[in-house]
Amino acid sequence: MICAISGEVPDEPVVSKKSGLLFERRLIERYVEDHGKCPVTKEELTMDDIVPVKTNKVVKPRPLQAASIPGLLGIFQNEWDALMLSNYSLEQQLHTARQELSHALYQHDAACRVIARLKKERDEARTLLAQAERQIPASVAAAAPAAVVSNGKRATEDEIGPDGKKIRPGINPVMIDELTECNTMLSAQRKKRQVPPTLAPIDALERYTQISSHPLHKTNKPGILSMDIHPSKDIVATGGIDTNAVLFDRPSGQILCTLTGHSKKITTLKFVPRDGLFVTGSADKTVRIWQESENGNYNCIHTLKDHTAEVEAVTVHATQKYFVTASKDNSWCFYDISTGSCLTQVGEASGQEGYTSASFHPDGLILGTGTTDAVVKIWDVKTQSNVAKFEGHVGPVTAMSFSENGYFLATAAHDGVKLWDLRKLRNFRTFSPYDSDTPTNAVEFDFSGNYLAIGGSDIRVHQVANVKVEWNLIKTLPDLSGTGKVTSVKFGADAKYIAVGSMDRNLRIFGLPGDDQMEESNTAAE
């Protein structure tokens, strides 16, 4: 009685009703459970077709080899040899598996590189497509004799006029009506405007201290020269001597992207929230317009080369459709931001004079510019005529800021900050916070018009009052960069924090102690 599967005498013999074959019970049960067939005849078979065989218990005889010590040693030797052969086989399989894994990892890395390259090419193609779509209106308009081509250039035959000057299309009546309508609407809103309840109170500003510091620019070329804050996204942009513009997300403390392309230091930059645009001006005499892409990066869509000297200031009109650039070539340009075309260029190169700062009035019909010879000029945007001059500063006018109420203009120069009453066209107050060797580099009203920040060897925040009442000093914040030269100051939303740039590579945030931890926890929760 031999099992048809194992070829040995079974301990629990059973017989198949269908084939009559003898099996070991545990073996046939497992085979039928897995396959449902007879292992020999391949017929359908169930455990109901299996009949146990009653036999007397048989003691299996001991193998001949196990009956003596030499036999046992031979058995052990055979087992050892089999174990060594099995171990060798496993090692070979392990080596093969490692080679296959290494090859698979190499293929995965190569695939990731190809995917990254394809994504980059896709993004570049999308950028070119978007740029082409924006240039379609300009291309259609180019059919007219007086059309303007992208980048503010005309056709070769009519680019230069009889007097040797570039011909510009000018600000047409439709644009003037648009500027006037915007001015009327904003003036009416301003009369009804009240101090927002969420504005940081004076006692909060008195407790401001540095809550964070972020190294954004290169160590070999430190220095932040310009700064702007996005009005709705709480993103801080900085322009540095290292030729880069860095966009920094303040709540998360992360750098969103670094914009490269200028060949010299970035002297000015501004956000244009409409259509996700961003404008930078540089000492390389160019202005670049950047647009936000789907992945959060910014791509350059226009490079403007209308100036012949360093571009010192960029200011965006309230309509967010136009902007002005001011340069040391003693001219300022009025641009259509969608096409990048220069509609008009005011001023001509003359000696060593030039513009060092510029800012639109909140209503948009007045433009202020500061010059290298310490003069503040007020322009009528509609006629591009100089309607007022403010003199009295010492040194170049490095910064200027209009108050949100539309009545005050603050200008900064080597001798400090002067406040001008635009209704009576006169200077009514002067701040001289520093000694004669320390220039004032920054001045900024907050959006509500309740606070004024001054930057020089430190940062000083004043409470805004009126012409007759003293503008009290609320807080003096130290310049922790160690350079003694604050270059830019900006208020955050509702003056809840103050962003400061200096001649080192760090952006510094001043606010209430604990606010940074609260924001980080809120960001993590979101």
Protein backbone atom coordinates (compact mmCIF):
# COMPACT_ATOMS: atom_id res chain seq x y z
CA MET A 1 0.00 0.00 0.00
CA ILE A 2 1.82 3.00 -1.35
CA CYS A 3 0.50 6.60 -1.59
CA ALA A 4 0.05 7.65 -5.22
CA ILE A 5 1.37 11.11 -4.40
CA SER A 6 4.30 10.60 -2.01
CA GLY A 7 5.30 7.05 -3.00
CA GLU A 8 5.49 6.08 0.69
CA VAL A 9 3.39 4.05 3.06
CA PRO A 10 0.59 6.34 4.25
CA ASP A 11 -0.20 6.96 7.92
CA GLU A 12 -3.91 7.56 7.16
CA PRO A 13 -4.69 5.80 3.89
CA VAL A 14 -7.75 6.79 1.87
CA VAL A 15 -9.12 5.53 -1.44
CA SER A 16 -10.79 7.42 -4.29
CA LYS A 17 -14.17 6.01 -5.28
CA LYS A 18 -13.66 7.11 -8.86
CA SER A 19 -10.11 5.95 -9.61
CA GLY A 20 -9.49 3.42 -6.82
CA LEU A 21 -6.11 5.01 -6.11
CA LEU A 22 -4.64 5.11 -2.60
CA PHE A 23 -3.53 8.38 -1.05
CA GLU A 24 -2.23 9.87 2.20
CA ARG A 25 -5.26 11.65 3.65
CA ARG A 26 -3.56 14.96 4.46
CA LEU A 27 -1.96 15.14 1.01
CA ILE A 28 -5.09 14.43 -1.00
CA GLU A 29 -7.16 16.81 1.16
CA ARG A 30 -4.77 19.69 0.42
CA TYR A 31 -4.60 18.87 -3.30
CA VAL A 32 -8.37 18.61 -3.67
CA GLU A 33 -8.82 21.87 -1.74
CA ASP A 34 -6.42 23.68 -4.10
CA HIS A 35 -7.34 22.04 -7.43
CA GLY A 36 -10.59 20.08 -7.07
CA LYS A 37 -9.15 17.26 -9.22
CA CYS A 38 -7.51 13.89 -8.83
CA PRO A 39 -3.73 14.40 -8.97
CA VAL A 40 -3.27 11.30 -11.14
CA THR A 41 -6.31 10.99 -13.45
CA LYS A 42 -7.19 14.73 -13.43
CA GLU A 43 -10.87 13.90 -12.96
CA GLU A 44 -13.17 16.10 -10.88
CA LEU A 45 -12.79 15.01 -7.27
CA THR A 46 -14.27 16.08 -3.92
CA MET A 47 -13.68 14.89 -0.38
CA ASP A 48 -17.02 13.09 -0.55
CA ASP A 49 -15.41 10.77 -3.11
CA ILE A 50 -12.67 9.82 -0.64
CA VAL A 51 -13.15 6.72 1.54
CA PRO A 52 -10.84 6.01 4.50
CA VAL A 53 -9.14 2.59 4.65
CA LYS A 54 -9.06 0.77 7.98
CA THR A 55 -5.64 -0.83 8.60
CA ASN A 56 -3.63 -2.02 11.52
CA LYS A 57 -0.99 0.34 12.73
CA VAL A 58 2.40 -0.46 11.24
CA VAL A 59 5.69 0.55 12.75
CA LYS A 60 7.93 1.78 9.99
CA PRO A 61 11.29 0.11 9.97
CA ARG A 62 14.29 2.29 10.59
CA PRO A 63 16.26 3.09 7.41
CA LEU A 64 19.34 1.00 6.96
CA GLN A 65 21.59 4.05 7.01
CA ALA A 66 20.25 5.09 10.46
CA ALA A 67 21.09 1.76 12.00
CA SER A 68 24.79 2.58 12.49
CA ILE A 69 26.99 5.52 13.39
CA PRO A 70 28.72 5.67 9.98
CA GLY A 71 25.29 5.69 8.36
CA LEU A 72 24.14 8.57 10.55
CA LEU A 73 27.28 10.50 9.72
CA GLY A 74 26.61 9.95 6.03
CA ILE A 75 23.07 11.25 6.43
CA PHE A 76 24.34 14.37 8.24
CA GLN A 77 26.98 14.91 5.54
CA ASN A 78 24.33 14.75 2.84
CA GLU A 79 22.12 17.19 4.74
CA TRP A 80 25.06 19.60 5.18
CA ASP A 81 25.94 19.42 1.50
CA ALA A 82 22.34 20.11 0.55
CA LEU A 83 22.25 23.09 2.96
CA MET A 84 25.45 24.57 1.48
CA LEU A 85 24.12 24.17 -2.07
CA SER A 86 20.85 25.84 -1.06
CA ASN A 87 22.73 28.71 0.62
CA TYR A 88 24.88 29.21 -2.51
CA SER A 89 21.76 29.29 -4.66
CA LEU A 90 20.17 31.91 -2.41
CA GLU A 91 23.29 34.09 -2.57
CA GLN A 92 23.22 33.93 -6.37
CA GLN A 93 19.56 34.93 -6.38
CA LEU A 94 20.30 37.82 -3.97
CA HIS A 95 23.08 39.10 -6.22
CA THR A 96 20.81 38.94 -9.27
CA ALA A 97 18.02 40.75 -7.38
CA ARG A 98 20.43 43.53 -6.35
CA GLN A 99 21.55 44.02 -9.95
CA GLU A 100 17.95 44.21 -11.13
CA LEU A 101 17.08 46.69 -8.37
CA SER A 102 20.09 48.90 -9.25
CA HIS A 103 19.08 48.88 -12.91
CA ALA A 104 15.47 49.71 -12.00
CA LEU A 105 16.58 52.63 -9.82
CA TYR A 106 18.77 53.96 -12.63
CA GLN A 107 15.86 53.75 -15.05
CA HIS A 108 13.61 55.54 -12.51
CA ASP A 109 16.13 58.36 -12.09
CA ALA A 110 16.47 58.75 -15.85
CA ALA A 111 12.68 58.81 -16.20
CA CYS A 112 12.40 61.53 -13.53
CA ARG A 113 14.97 63.65 -15.40
CA VAL A 114 13.08 63.24 -18.66
CA ILE A 115 9.80 64.17 -16.96
CA ALA A 116 11.37 67.27 -15.39
CA ARG A 117 12.79 68.35 -18.77
CA LEU A 118 9.43 67.80 -20.46
CA LYS A 119 7.66 69.82 -17.75
CA LYS A 120 10.13 72.66 -18.21
CA GLU A 121 9.61 72.60 -21.98
CA ARG A 122 5.84 72.55 -21.45
CA ASP A 123 5.98 75.58 -19.14
CA GLU A 124 8.19 77.46 -21.61
CA ALA A 125 5.77 76.64 -24.41
CA ARG A 126 2.84 77.87 -22.32
CA THR A 127 4.70 81.08 -21.59
CA LEU A 128 5.44 81.66 -25.26
CA LEU A 129 1.82 80.91 -26.13
CA ALA A 130 0.53 83.35 -23.51
CA GLN A 131 2.96 86.00 -24.73
CA ALA A 132 1.87 85.45 -28.32
CA GLU A 133 -1.79 85.74 -27.34
CA ARG A 134 -1.13 89.06 -25.63
CA GLN A 135 0.74 90.38 -28.64
CA ILE A 136 -2.10 89.56 -31.03
CA PRO A 137 -3.92 92.87 -30.34
CA ALA A 138 -0.66 94.75 -30.89
CA SER A 139 -0.07 92.85 -34.13
CA VAL A 140 -3.56 93.67 -35.37
CA ALA A 141 -3.07 97.30 -34.46
CA ALA A 142 0.25 97.29 -36.33
CA ALA A 143 -1.68 97.38 -39.62
CA ALA A 144 -2.49 101.05 -38.96
CA PRO A 145 0.18 103.64 -39.94
CA ALA A 146 0.60 104.97 -36.42
CA ALA A 147 0.47 101.63 -34.66
CA VAL A 148 2.72 100.69 -31.75
CA VAL A 149 4.60 97.42 -31.71
CA SER A 150 5.35 95.47 -28.50
CA ASN A 151 8.10 96.83 -26.25
CA GLY A 152 7.13 100.41 -27.04
CA LYS A 153 8.89 100.40 -30.45
CA ARG A 154 7.54 101.67 -33.77
CA ALA A 155 8.22 100.49 -37.25
CA THR A 156 11.66 101.43 -38.50
CA GLU A 157 10.43 104.03 -40.96
CA ASP A 158 8.53 106.13 -38.39
CA GLU A 159 10.39 105.40 -35.13
CA ILE A 160 12.42 108.60 -35.28
CA GLY A 161 10.79 111.96 -35.98
CA PRO A 162 12.22 114.90 -37.94
CA ASP A 163 13.77 116.33 -34.79
CA GLY A 164 15.63 113.08 -34.09
CA LYS A 165 13.35 112.11 -31.17
CA LYS A 166 11.32 108.94 -30.81
CA ILE A 167 7.70 109.38 -31.77
CA ARG A 168 5.20 108.21 -29.13
CA PRO A 169 1.46 107.68 -29.66
CA GLY A 170 0.57 109.70 -26.55
CA ILE A 171 -2.28 109.28 -24.06
CA ASN A 172 -5.44 109.27 -26.19
CA PRO A 173 -8.80 110.78 -25.14
CA VAL A 174 -10.27 107.37 -24.30
CA MET A 175 -7.46 106.76 -21.79
CA ILE A 176 -7.86 110.27 -20.37
CA ASP A 177 -11.59 109.63 -19.85
CA GLU A 178 -10.71 106.36 -18.11
CA LEU A 179 -8.21 108.11 -15.81
CA THR A 180 -10.73 110.87 -15.03
CA GLU A 181 -13.49 108.37 -14.26
CA CYS A 182 -11.16 106.47 -11.93
CA ASN A 183 -10.21 109.74 -10.20
CA THR A 184 -13.87 110.68 -9.68
CA MET A 185 -14.76 107.28 -8.26
CA LEU A 186 -11.78 107.13 -5.87
CA SER A 187 -12.34 110.72 -4.68
CA ALA A 188 -15.96 109.93 -3.83
CA GLN A 189 -14.95 106.78 -1.98
CA ARG A 190 -12.28 108.63 -0.03
CA LYS A 191 -14.79 111.09 1.42
CA LYS A 192 -16.75 108.19 2.90
CA ARG A 193 -13.71 106.28 4.05
CA GLN A 194 -13.33 105.57 7.76
CA VAL A 195 -10.46 104.14 9.78
CA PRO A 196 -10.75 100.34 9.46
CA PRO A 197 -11.58 98.65 12.78
CA THR A 198 -8.87 96.05 12.13
CA LEU A 199 -6.09 98.67 11.98
CA ALA A 200 -3.33 98.06 14.51
CA PRO A 201 -3.73 100.56 17.40
CA ILE A 202 -0.99 102.87 18.61
CA ASP A 203 -0.34 100.86 21.77
CA ALA A 204 0.30 97.80 19.60
CA LEU A 205 2.87 99.65 17.45
CA GLU A 206 4.61 100.80 20.62
CA ARG A 207 5.30 97.14 21.44
CA TYR A 208 6.58 96.16 17.98
CA THR A 209 9.88 94.28 17.88
CA GLN A 210 11.65 92.07 15.38
CA ILE A 211 9.77 88.78 15.08
CA SER A 212 11.62 87.20 12.15
CA SER A 213 14.58 87.62 9.81
CA HIS A 214 14.90 85.92 6.43
CA PRO A 215 18.09 85.71 4.31
CA LEU A 216 16.72 86.14 0.79
CA HIS A 217 19.64 87.41 -1.26
CA LYS A 218 23.18 86.30 -2.04
CA THR A 219 25.91 86.66 0.56
CA ASN A 220 28.56 87.84 -1.89
CA LYS A 221 26.36 90.78 -3.02
CA PRO A 222 24.23 91.74 0.00
CA GLY A 223 21.80 94.62 0.01
CA ILE A 224 18.03 95.00 -0.44
CA LEU A 225 17.32 98.17 -2.45
CA SER A 226 13.56 97.96 -2.99
CA MET A 227 10.49 96.29 -1.57
CA ASP A 228 6.77 95.90 -2.15
CA ILE A 229 3.95 93.93 -0.50
CA HIS A 230 1.11 92.31 -2.42
CA PRO A 231 -2.13 93.97 -1.24
CA SER A 232 -4.12 90.75 -0.86
CA LYS A 233 -1.75 87.74 -0.72
CA ASP A 234 0.67 88.92 2.01
CA ILE A 235 3.65 88.26 -0.28
CA VAL A 236 6.74 90.44 0.17
CA ALA A 237 8.92 91.15 -2.87
CA THR A 238 12.49 92.39 -2.51
CA GLY A 239 14.97 93.59 -5.13
CA GLY A 240 18.67 93.36 -4.41
CA ILE A 241 22.15 94.31 -5.49
CA ASP A 242 22.58 90.66 -6.56
CA THR A 243 20.32 91.44 -9.62
CA ASN A 244 17.56 89.15 -8.30
CA ALA A 245 13.99 89.82 -7.22
CA VAL A 246 12.74 87.45 -4.53
CA LEU A 247 9.06 86.77 -3.78
CA PHE A 248 8.60 85.69 -0.18
CA ASP A 249 5.44 84.27 1.42
CA ARG A 250 5.44 85.84 4.88
CA PRO A 251 2.88 83.59 6.66
CA SER A 252 4.69 80.37 5.70
CA GLY A 253 8.19 81.85 5.78
CA GLN A 254 9.01 80.30 2.38
CA ILE A 255 10.59 81.77 -0.77
CA LEU A 256 8.04 81.37 -3.57
CA CYS A 257 10.40 82.13 -6.45
CA THR A 258 13.50 84.10 -7.43
CA LEU A 259 13.32 86.18 -10.61
CA THR A 260 16.52 86.44 -12.61
CA GLY A 261 17.17 88.29 -15.84
CA HIS A 262 18.46 91.76 -14.97
CA SER A 263 22.18 92.27 -15.43
CA LYS A 264 22.57 94.90 -12.69
CA LYS A 265 21.02 95.72 -9.32
CA ILE A 266 17.23 95.97 -9.05
CA THR A 267 16.39 99.47 -7.88
CA THR A 268 12.58 99.36 -7.85
CA LEU A 269 9.69 96.89 -8.11
CA LYS A 270 5.90 96.87 -7.83
CA PHE A 271 3.07 94.33 -7.72
CA VAL A 272 0.17 94.74 -10.16
CA PRO A 273 -2.56 92.49 -8.69
CA ARG A 274 -4.60 92.59 -11.91
CA ASP A 275 -3.71 89.52 -14.02
CA GLY A 276 -0.93 88.54 -11.60
CA LEU A 277 1.63 90.99 -13.00
CA PHE A 278 4.86 92.25 -11.45
CA VAL A 279 7.17 95.07 -12.64
CA THR A 280 10.89 95.51 -11.92
CA GLY A 281 13.31 98.31 -12.79
CA SER A 282 17.07 98.03 -12.79
CA ALA A 283 20.34 99.89 -13.11
CA ASP A 284 20.79 98.02 -16.41
CA LYS A 285 18.44 100.67 -17.93
CA THR A 286 15.62 98.18 -18.51
CA VAL A 287 12.18 97.52 -17.07
CA ARG A 288 10.74 94.01 -17.03
CA ILE A 289 7.10 92.97 -16.79
CA TRP A 290 6.55 89.53 -15.26
CA GLN A 291 3.41 87.42 -15.19
CA GLU A 292 2.50 84.70 -12.72
CA SER A 293 2.17 81.22 -14.21
CA GLU A 294 0.01 78.32 -13.07
CA ASN A 295 2.81 76.80 -10.98
CA GLY A 296 3.32 80.06 -9.03
CA ASN A 297 6.49 81.16 -10.82
CA TYR A 298 6.78 84.45 -12.71
CA ASN A 299 7.87 84.65 -16.34
CA CYS A 300 9.15 87.76 -18.09
CA ILE A 301 6.71 88.79 -20.85
CA HIS A 302 8.15 92.22 -21.76
CA THR A 303 11.59 93.84 -21.53
CA LEU A 304 11.35 97.61 -21.97
CA LYS A 305 14.42 99.53 -23.15
CA ASP A 306 13.17 103.09 -23.52
CA HIS A 307 15.49 104.64 -20.92
CA THR A 308 19.14 105.47 -21.46
CA ALA A 309 20.21 105.48 -17.80
CA GLU A 310 19.42 103.70 -14.54
CA VAL A 311 15.70 103.15 -13.86
CA GLU A 312 15.14 104.41 -10.33
CA ALA A 313 11.38 104.17 -9.75
CA VAL A 314 8.25 102.32 -10.88
CA THR A 315 4.76 103.40 -9.81
CA VAL A 316 1.47 101.76 -10.83
CA HIS A 317 -1.71 103.71 -11.61
CA ALA A 318 -4.86 102.99 -9.59
CA THR A 319 -6.55 101.43 -12.65
CA GLN A 320 -3.73 98.83 -12.70
CA LYS A 321 -3.67 99.25 -16.49
CA TYR A 322 -0.82 101.76 -16.68
CA PHE A 323 2.45 102.44 -14.91
CA VAL A 324 5.21 105.05 -14.93
CA THR A 325 8.97 104.57 -14.79
CA ALA A 326 11.44 107.30 -13.80
CA SER A 327 15.11 107.25 -14.73
CA LYS A 328 18.34 109.13 -14.20
CA ASP A 329 18.18 110.07 -17.89
CA ASN A 330 15.88 112.89 -16.71
CA SER A 331 12.74 111.39 -18.24
CA TRP A 332 9.70 109.45 -17.15
CA CYS A 333 7.69 107.06 -19.33
CA PHE A 334 3.98 106.27 -19.22
CA TYR A 335 3.29 102.64 -20.24
CA ASP A 336 0.32 100.48 -21.15
CA ILE A 337 0.97 97.49 -18.92
CA SER A 338 -0.87 94.93 -21.08
CA THR A 339 1.18 95.54 -24.23
CA GLY A 340 4.35 97.01 -22.72
CA SER A 341 4.14 99.97 -25.11
CA CYS A 342 5.47 103.38 -24.09
CA LEU A 343 2.63 105.83 -24.71
CA THR A 344 4.61 108.94 -23.85
CA GLN A 345 8.08 109.89 -22.60
CA VAL A 346 8.42 113.20 -20.78
CA GLY A 347 11.75 115.02 -20.39
CA GLU A 348 15.10 114.89 -22.10
CA ALA A 349 18.62 114.11 -20.99
CA SER A 350 20.28 117.23 -19.57
CA GLY A 351 23.58 117.27 -17.72
CA GLN A 352 23.78 115.31 -14.48
CA GLU A 353 20.14 115.75 -13.52
CA GLY A 354 17.74 112.82 -13.36
CA TYR A 355 14.80 111.30 -11.50
CA THR A 356 15.43 109.23 -8.39
CA SER A 357 11.86 108.57 -7.19
CA ALA A 358 8.27 108.66 -8.45
CA SER A 359 4.78 107.95 -7.13
CA PHE A 360 1.20 108.28 -8.34
CA HIS A 361 -1.29 110.24 -6.26
CA PRO A 362 -3.97 107.84 -4.90
CA ASP A 363 -6.54 109.35 -7.30
CA GLY A 364 -4.28 108.82 -10.29
CA LEU A 365 -4.32 112.20 -12.05
CA ILE A 366 -1.20 113.55 -10.33
CA LEU A 367 2.31 112.17 -10.53
CA GLY A 368 5.10 113.11 -8.15
CA THR A 369 8.79 112.78 -9.05
CA GLY A 370 11.98 113.46 -7.12
CA THR A 371 15.20 114.53 -8.77
CA THR A 372 18.91 114.25 -8.15
CA ASP A 373 19.08 118.03 -7.61
CA ALA A 374 16.73 117.94 -4.56
CA VAL A 375 13.58 119.13 -6.38
CA VAL A 376 10.13 117.54 -6.09
CA LYS A 377 8.03 117.96 -9.23
CA ILE A 378 4.27 117.50 -9.48
CA TRP A 379 2.85 116.56 -12.90
CA ASP A 380 -0.62 116.59 -14.45
CA VAL A 381 -0.86 113.10 -15.97
CA LYS A 382 -3.47 114.07 -18.58
CA THR A 383 -1.35 116.85 -20.10
CA GLN A 384 2.08 115.65 -18.90
CA SER A 385 2.77 119.21 -17.74
CA ASN A 386 4.70 120.21 -14.64
CA VAL A 387 2.15 122.00 -12.41
CA ALA A 388 4.23 122.50 -9.23
CA LYS A 389 7.76 122.35 -7.82
CA PHE A 390 8.78 121.85 -4.22
CA GLU A 391 12.29 122.92 -3.29
CA GLY A 392 14.16 122.89 -0.01
CA HIS A 393 15.69 119.44 0.25
CA VAL A 394 19.41 118.72 0.35
CA GLY A 395 20.61 115.89 -1.86
CA PRO A 396 18.66 113.55 -4.18
CA VAL A 397 15.02 112.89 -3.30
CA THR A 398 15.33 109.16 -2.62
CA ALA A 399 11.72 108.30 -1.77
CA MET A 400 8.21 109.72 -1.72
CA SER A 401 4.77 108.63 -0.57
CA PHE A 402 1.30 110.15 -0.90
CA SER A 403 -1.08 109.87 2.02
CA GLU A 404 -4.28 107.95 1.35
CA ASN A 405 -6.36 111.03 2.17
CA GLY A 406 -4.82 112.72 -0.88
CA TYR A 407 -3.76 115.86 1.02
CA PHE A 408 -0.18 115.09 2.10
CA LEU A 409 3.03 114.15 0.33
CA ALA A 410 6.07 112.90 2.25
CA THR A 411 9.49 113.10 0.58
CA ALA A 412 12.85 111.81 1.83
CA ALA A 413 16.33 113.10 1.03
CA HIS A 414 19.75 113.47 2.63
CA ASP A 415 18.46 116.09 5.07
CA GLY A 416 15.46 114.09 6.33
CA VAL A 417 11.73 114.01 5.51
CA LYS A 418 9.55 116.90 4.45
CA LEU A 419 5.74 116.93 4.55
CA TRP A 420 3.94 118.93 1.87
CA ASP A 421 0.35 120.20 1.90
CA LEU A 422 -0.95 119.58 -1.64
CA ARG A 423 -3.87 121.96 -1.13
CA LYS A 424 -1.65 124.97 -0.41
CA LEU A 425 1.50 123.65 -2.13
CA ARG A 426 3.77 124.32 0.83
CA ASN A 427 5.97 122.51 3.29
CA PHE A 428 4.36 122.39 6.73
CA ARG A 429 6.67 120.05 8.66
CA THR A 430 10.21 118.68 8.48
CA PHE A 431 11.67 115.67 10.28
CA SER A 432 15.46 115.59 10.64
CA PRO A 433 15.93 112.39 12.62
CA TYR A 434 19.59 111.77 11.74
CA ASP A 435 22.88 113.62 11.62
CA SER A 436 24.21 115.30 8.48
CA ASP A 437 26.20 112.21 7.48
CA THR A 438 23.18 109.86 7.58
CA PRO A 439 20.69 110.17 4.72
CA THR A 440 17.02 109.25 4.94
CA ASN A 441 16.41 106.51 2.38
CA ALA A 442 12.78 105.50 2.87
CA VAL A 443 9.44 107.06 3.73
CA GLU A 444 6.05 105.35 3.60
CA PHE A 445 2.44 106.03 4.64
CA ASP A 446 0.41 102.99 5.59
CA PHE A 447 -2.66 102.25 3.45
CA SER A 448 -5.07 103.79 5.96
CA GLY A 449 -3.05 107.02 6.11
CA ASN A 450 -2.76 106.89 9.91
CA TYR A 451 0.94 106.09 10.25
CA LEU A 452 4.16 107.29 8.62
CA ALA A 453 7.40 105.26 8.65
CA ILE A 454 10.86 106.77 8.08
CA GLY A 455 13.97 104.71 7.34
CA GLY A 456 17.61 105.77 7.71
CA SER A 457 19.98 104.45 10.34
CA ASP A 458 16.86 103.12 12.11
CA ILE A 459 13.09 102.97 11.54
CA ARG A 460 10.80 105.60 13.07
CA VAL A 461 7.02 105.41 13.06
CA HIS A 462 4.96 108.60 13.49
CA GLN A 463 1.27 109.10 14.05
CA VAL A 464 -0.30 111.06 11.18
CA ALA A 465 -2.15 114.20 12.31
CA ASN A 466 -2.94 117.36 10.35
CA VAL A 467 -1.10 120.52 9.34
CA LYS A 468 -1.36 122.21 12.74
CA VAL A 469 -1.08 119.27 15.13
CA GLU A 470 2.27 117.65 15.90
CA TRP A 471 2.95 114.24 14.31
CA ASN A 472 4.01 112.28 17.40
CA LEU A 473 6.78 109.70 17.30
CA ILE A 474 5.23 106.35 18.26
CA LYS A 475 8.12 103.91 18.02
CA THR A 476 11.80 103.76 17.05
CA LEU A 477 12.88 100.35 15.74
CA PRO A 478 16.64 99.61 15.56
CA ASP A 479 18.41 98.59 12.37
CA LEU A 480 19.54 95.09 13.33
CA SER A 481 21.48 94.54 10.10
CA GLY A 482 24.58 96.22 11.50
CA THR A 483 24.96 98.28 8.32
CA GLY A 484 23.29 101.42 9.69
CA LYS A 485 21.41 101.89 6.43
CA VAL A 486 17.73 101.02 6.10
CA THR A 487 16.82 101.19 2.39
CA SER A 488 13.12 100.33 2.33
CA VAL A 489 10.17 100.22 4.71
CA LYS A 490 6.65 98.89 4.04
CA PHE A 491 3.55 98.48 6.20
CA GLY A 492 1.71 95.18 6.06
CA ALA A 493 -2.07 94.91 5.86
CA ASP A 494 -3.73 97.02 8.60
CA ALA A 495 -0.21 97.92 9.82
CA LYS A 496 -0.11 94.55 11.61
CA TYR A 497 3.59 94.31 10.78
CA ILE A 498 6.40 96.36 9.22
CA ALA A 499 8.76 94.88 6.61
CA VAL A 500 12.27 96.36 6.51
CA GLY A 501 15.08 95.98 3.99
CA SER A 502 18.67 97.01 4.71
CA MET A 503 22.10 96.80 3.13
CA ASP A 504 22.51 93.19 4.25
CA ARG A 505 20.78 90.20 2.62
CA ASN A 506 17.99 89.80 5.21
CA LEU A 507 14.33 90.81 5.12
CA ARG A 508 13.24 91.71 8.65
CA ILE A 509 9.68 91.64 9.95
CA PHE A 510 8.70 93.77 12.95
CA GLY A 511 5.45 93.14 14.79
CA LEU A 512 3.95 92.07 18.09
CA PRO A 513 5.89 89.29 19.84
CA GLY A 514 4.09 85.98 19.34
CA ASP A 515 2.39 86.96 16.10
CA ASP A 516 4.83 84.89 14.05
CA GLN A 517 4.10 81.72 16.05
CA MET A 518 0.37 82.36 15.76
CA GLU A 519 0.63 82.74 11.99
CA GLU A 520 2.73 79.60 11.67
CA SER A 521 0.14 77.60 13.63
CA ASN A 522 -2.67 79.03 11.50
CA THR A 523 -0.78 78.14 8.32
CA ALA A 524 -0.19 74.61 9.57
CA ALA A 525 -3.85 74.24 10.48
CA GLU A 526 -4.91 75.31 7.01
